Amino acid sequence: MGNIEVITGPMFSGKTTELLRRLERYVLAGCSYIAIKPAVDTRDQSTTIKTIRGEVNLNPIKVASLHPIKPTTKVILLDEGQFFGPEIVSFCQVQRDQGRIVIVSGLDMDYRRQPFGSMDKLMAIADSVTKLTAICSCGKEAIFTQKLNPDSQYIDIGDTEKYIPVCTDCYNSAGLKECVS
């Protein structure tokens, strides 16, 4: 029996690290896997963790769309799920129906506090959802991602030079109280 697991939260909450942690369990069990990442995410990030048992490496393939992908592995990992198009929902449903385990990590909200991509729809059909938090600079739990220099560019790939995790109080005190529809 297949299932869909979603790992979500703001930037810097450890979503990809949690994806790797879960992958390690399946690797130890001898399960085959494929990791997929959207080509739009051009960041060069390390997707390897070292554990007491060795090293686990995601080694994701980058794709423009999930449509041509026909996995034959037991486990499918989708990193940065918010950047996949609406096809992510049907892709995950088909894979689950075929008995595969699909684990997706991605932002639940954009910097405007709106659902990001199709992550909201994916969370609705998931068998489990893990919502992580980061730590705001004030020390509170951060559930939002704040863009340091908001502009009209919606998809703006970046890291600490462009985004920070913030709690509700800091998000509101930064003059970002309005939510863009």
Protein backbone atom coordinates (compact mmCIF):
# COMPACT_ATOMS: atom_id res chain seq x y z
CA MET A 1 0.00 0.00 0.00
CA GLY A 2 1.36 3.41 -0.96
CA ASN A 3 1.18 6.70 0.84
CA ILE A 4 1.89 10.39 0.46
CA GLU A 5 3.87 12.22 3.16
CA VAL A 6 4.29 16.00 3.09
CA ILE A 7 6.99 17.87 5.00
CA THR A 8 6.33 21.60 5.04
CA GLY A 9 7.07 24.86 6.81
CA PRO A 10 8.97 28.10 6.20
CA MET A 11 12.45 28.46 4.80
CA PHE A 12 15.23 27.33 7.15
CA SER A 13 12.98 24.91 9.07
CA GLY A 14 14.86 21.78 7.99
CA LYS A 15 12.47 20.36 5.38
CA THR A 16 15.18 18.88 3.15
CA THR A 17 17.06 17.58 6.20
CA GLU A 18 13.88 15.81 7.32
CA LEU A 19 13.48 14.42 3.80
CA LEU A 20 17.00 13.00 4.03
CA ARG A 21 16.32 11.57 7.49
CA ARG A 22 13.28 9.72 6.18
CA LEU A 23 15.20 8.56 3.12
CA GLU A 24 17.86 7.00 5.37
CA ARG A 25 15.25 4.68 6.87
CA TYR A 26 14.26 3.38 3.43
CA VAL A 27 17.89 3.06 2.31
CA LEU A 28 18.62 0.95 5.41
CA ALA A 29 15.63 -1.23 4.51
CA GLY A 30 17.04 -1.75 1.01
CA CYS A 31 14.29 0.16 -0.80
CA SER A 32 14.97 1.68 -4.20
CA TYR A 33 14.33 5.41 -4.58
CA ILE A 34 14.38 8.32 -6.96
CA ALA A 35 14.73 11.97 -5.91
CA ILE A 36 13.31 14.71 -8.09
CA LYS A 37 13.67 18.48 -7.88
CA PRO A 38 12.16 21.20 -10.09
CA ALA A 39 14.61 22.65 -12.60
CA VAL A 40 13.53 26.19 -11.66
CA ASP A 41 15.42 25.82 -8.36
CA THR A 42 18.92 26.71 -9.48
CA ARG A 43 20.49 26.84 -6.02
CA ASP A 44 23.55 24.64 -5.60
CA GLN A 45 22.84 23.07 -2.24
CA SER A 46 24.34 20.10 -0.50
CA THR A 47 21.72 17.39 -0.21
CA THR A 48 23.84 14.97 1.80
CA ILE A 49 23.81 14.12 5.46
CA LYS A 50 26.30 12.01 7.38
CA THR A 51 24.87 9.66 9.93
CA ILE A 52 26.33 7.11 12.29
CA ARG A 53 25.68 4.50 9.59
CA GLY A 54 27.24 6.43 6.73
CA GLU A 55 26.22 9.03 4.23
CA VAL A 56 22.80 9.56 2.65
CA ASN A 57 22.71 11.58 -0.56
CA LEU A 58 19.55 12.76 -2.25
CA ASN A 59 21.16 13.26 -5.71
CA PRO A 60 17.95 14.68 -7.19
CA ILE A 61 17.33 14.78 -10.90
CA LYS A 62 16.08 18.18 -12.07
CA VAL A 63 12.96 18.24 -14.22
CA ALA A 64 10.79 20.92 -15.78
CA SER A 65 7.63 18.83 -15.25
CA LEU A 66 6.57 15.63 -13.53
CA HIS A 67 4.51 14.46 -16.55
CA PRO A 68 7.22 12.47 -18.33
CA ILE A 69 8.48 10.80 -15.13
CA LYS A 70 7.55 7.11 -14.84
CA PRO A 71 9.17 5.89 -11.61
CA THR A 72 9.78 2.21 -11.00
CA THR A 73 11.20 2.66 -7.50
CA LYS A 74 9.47 1.95 -4.20
CA VAL A 75 10.15 5.45 -2.81
CA ILE A 76 9.80 8.79 -4.62
CA LEU A 77 11.19 11.97 -3.05
CA LEU A 78 10.13 15.38 -4.32
CA ASP A 79 12.14 18.30 -2.95
CA GLU A 80 10.96 21.93 -3.29
CA GLY A 81 7.45 20.73 -4.09
CA GLN A 82 6.04 24.26 -4.21
CA PHE A 83 7.81 24.84 -7.54
CA PHE A 84 6.13 21.94 -9.34
CA GLY A 85 2.96 22.79 -11.25
CA PRO A 86 -0.54 21.54 -10.42
CA GLU A 87 0.45 18.14 -11.88
CA ILE A 88 2.15 17.33 -8.57
CA VAL A 89 -1.21 16.41 -7.04
CA SER A 90 -2.24 13.88 -9.68
CA PHE A 91 1.34 12.58 -9.96
CA CYS A 92 1.42 11.82 -6.24
CA GLN A 93 -2.05 10.24 -6.29
CA VAL A 94 -1.11 7.92 -9.18
CA GLN A 95 2.13 6.88 -7.47
CA ARG A 96 0.32 6.16 -4.19
CA ASP A 97 -2.32 4.15 -6.05
CA GLN A 98 0.49 2.09 -7.58
CA GLY A 99 1.80 1.26 -4.10
CA ARG A 100 4.67 3.72 -3.95
CA ILE A 101 5.74 5.88 -1.04
CA VAL A 102 5.89 9.55 -2.04
CA ILE A 103 7.58 12.03 0.28
CA VAL A 104 7.32 15.70 -0.66
CA SER A 105 9.07 18.61 1.02
CA GLY A 106 8.19 22.21 0.24
CA LEU A 107 7.12 25.60 1.46
CA ASP A 108 3.49 25.78 2.52
CA MET A 109 3.29 29.58 2.14
CA ASP A 110 4.99 32.22 0.05
CA TYR A 111 6.46 35.41 1.50
CA ARG A 112 2.98 37.00 1.38
CA ARG A 113 1.59 34.26 3.66
CA GLN A 114 -0.46 32.77 0.83
CA PRO A 115 -0.52 29.06 -0.13
CA PHE A 116 2.50 28.36 -2.34
CA GLY A 117 1.91 26.52 -5.59
CA SER A 118 -0.18 23.38 -5.17
CA MET A 119 1.16 22.54 -1.71
CA ASP A 120 -2.24 23.26 -0.12
CA LYS A 121 -3.97 20.77 -2.42
CA LEU A 122 -1.21 18.24 -1.87
CA MET A 123 -1.52 18.55 1.91
CA ALA A 124 -5.27 17.94 1.59
CA ILE A 125 -4.77 14.53 -0.07
CA ALA A 126 -1.67 13.48 1.92
CA ASP A 127 -1.71 10.56 4.33
CA SER A 128 0.43 12.61 6.71
CA VAL A 129 1.63 16.20 6.98
CA THR A 130 4.56 17.33 9.11
CA LYS A 131 4.71 21.08 9.61
CA LEU A 132 8.11 22.27 10.77
CA THR A 133 9.06 25.66 12.17
CA ALA A 134 12.25 27.69 12.07
CA ILE A 135 13.52 30.11 14.69
CA CYS A 136 12.91 33.84 14.28
CA SER A 137 15.74 36.23 15.14
CA CYS A 138 13.72 37.20 18.24
CA GLY A 139 13.87 33.58 19.44
CA LYS A 140 10.21 32.63 18.84
CA GLU A 141 8.95 29.87 16.58
CA ALA A 142 8.92 31.12 12.99
CA ILE A 143 6.11 29.90 10.76
CA PHE A 144 6.51 32.46 7.97
CA THR A 145 9.16 33.30 5.41
CA GLN A 146 9.81 37.01 4.94
CA LYS A 147 11.34 38.40 1.77
CA LEU A 148 13.95 40.98 2.73
CA ASN A 149 13.31 43.21 -0.30
CA PRO A 150 9.75 42.58 -1.49
CA ASP A 151 9.31 43.32 -5.15
CA SER A 152 7.06 42.21 -7.96
CA GLN A 153 9.08 39.06 -8.64
CA TYR A 154 6.99 36.20 -7.22
CA ILE A 155 9.41 33.35 -7.87
CA ASP A 156 12.74 34.66 -6.63
CA ILE A 157 15.15 31.82 -5.96
CA GLY A 158 17.46 32.61 -3.09
CA ASP A 159 18.63 31.80 0.38
CA THR A 160 19.70 33.89 3.40
CA GLU A 161 20.54 36.84 1.13
CA LYS A 162 16.83 37.18 0.21
CA TYR A 163 14.73 35.51 2.92
CA ILE A 164 14.48 35.10 6.67
CA PRO A 165 12.18 33.03 8.88
CA VAL A 166 9.90 35.14 11.09
CA CYS A 167 7.28 34.71 13.79
CA THR A 168 3.87 36.38 13.54
CA ASP A 169 4.90 39.34 15.71
CA CYS A 170 8.02 40.12 13.69
CA TYR A 171 6.19 39.64 10.38
CA ASN A 172 3.54 42.15 11.47
CA SER A 173 6.00 44.65 12.99
CA ALA A 174 7.98 44.73 9.74
CA GLY A 175 5.09 46.54 8.09
CA LEU A 176 3.92 43.47 6.20
CA LYS A 177 0.49 43.24 7.82
CA GLU A 178 -1.38 43.26 4.54
CA CYS A 179 -1.85 39.93 2.84
CA VAL A 180 -1.77 40.13 -0.93
CA SER A 181 -4.59 38.15 -2.49
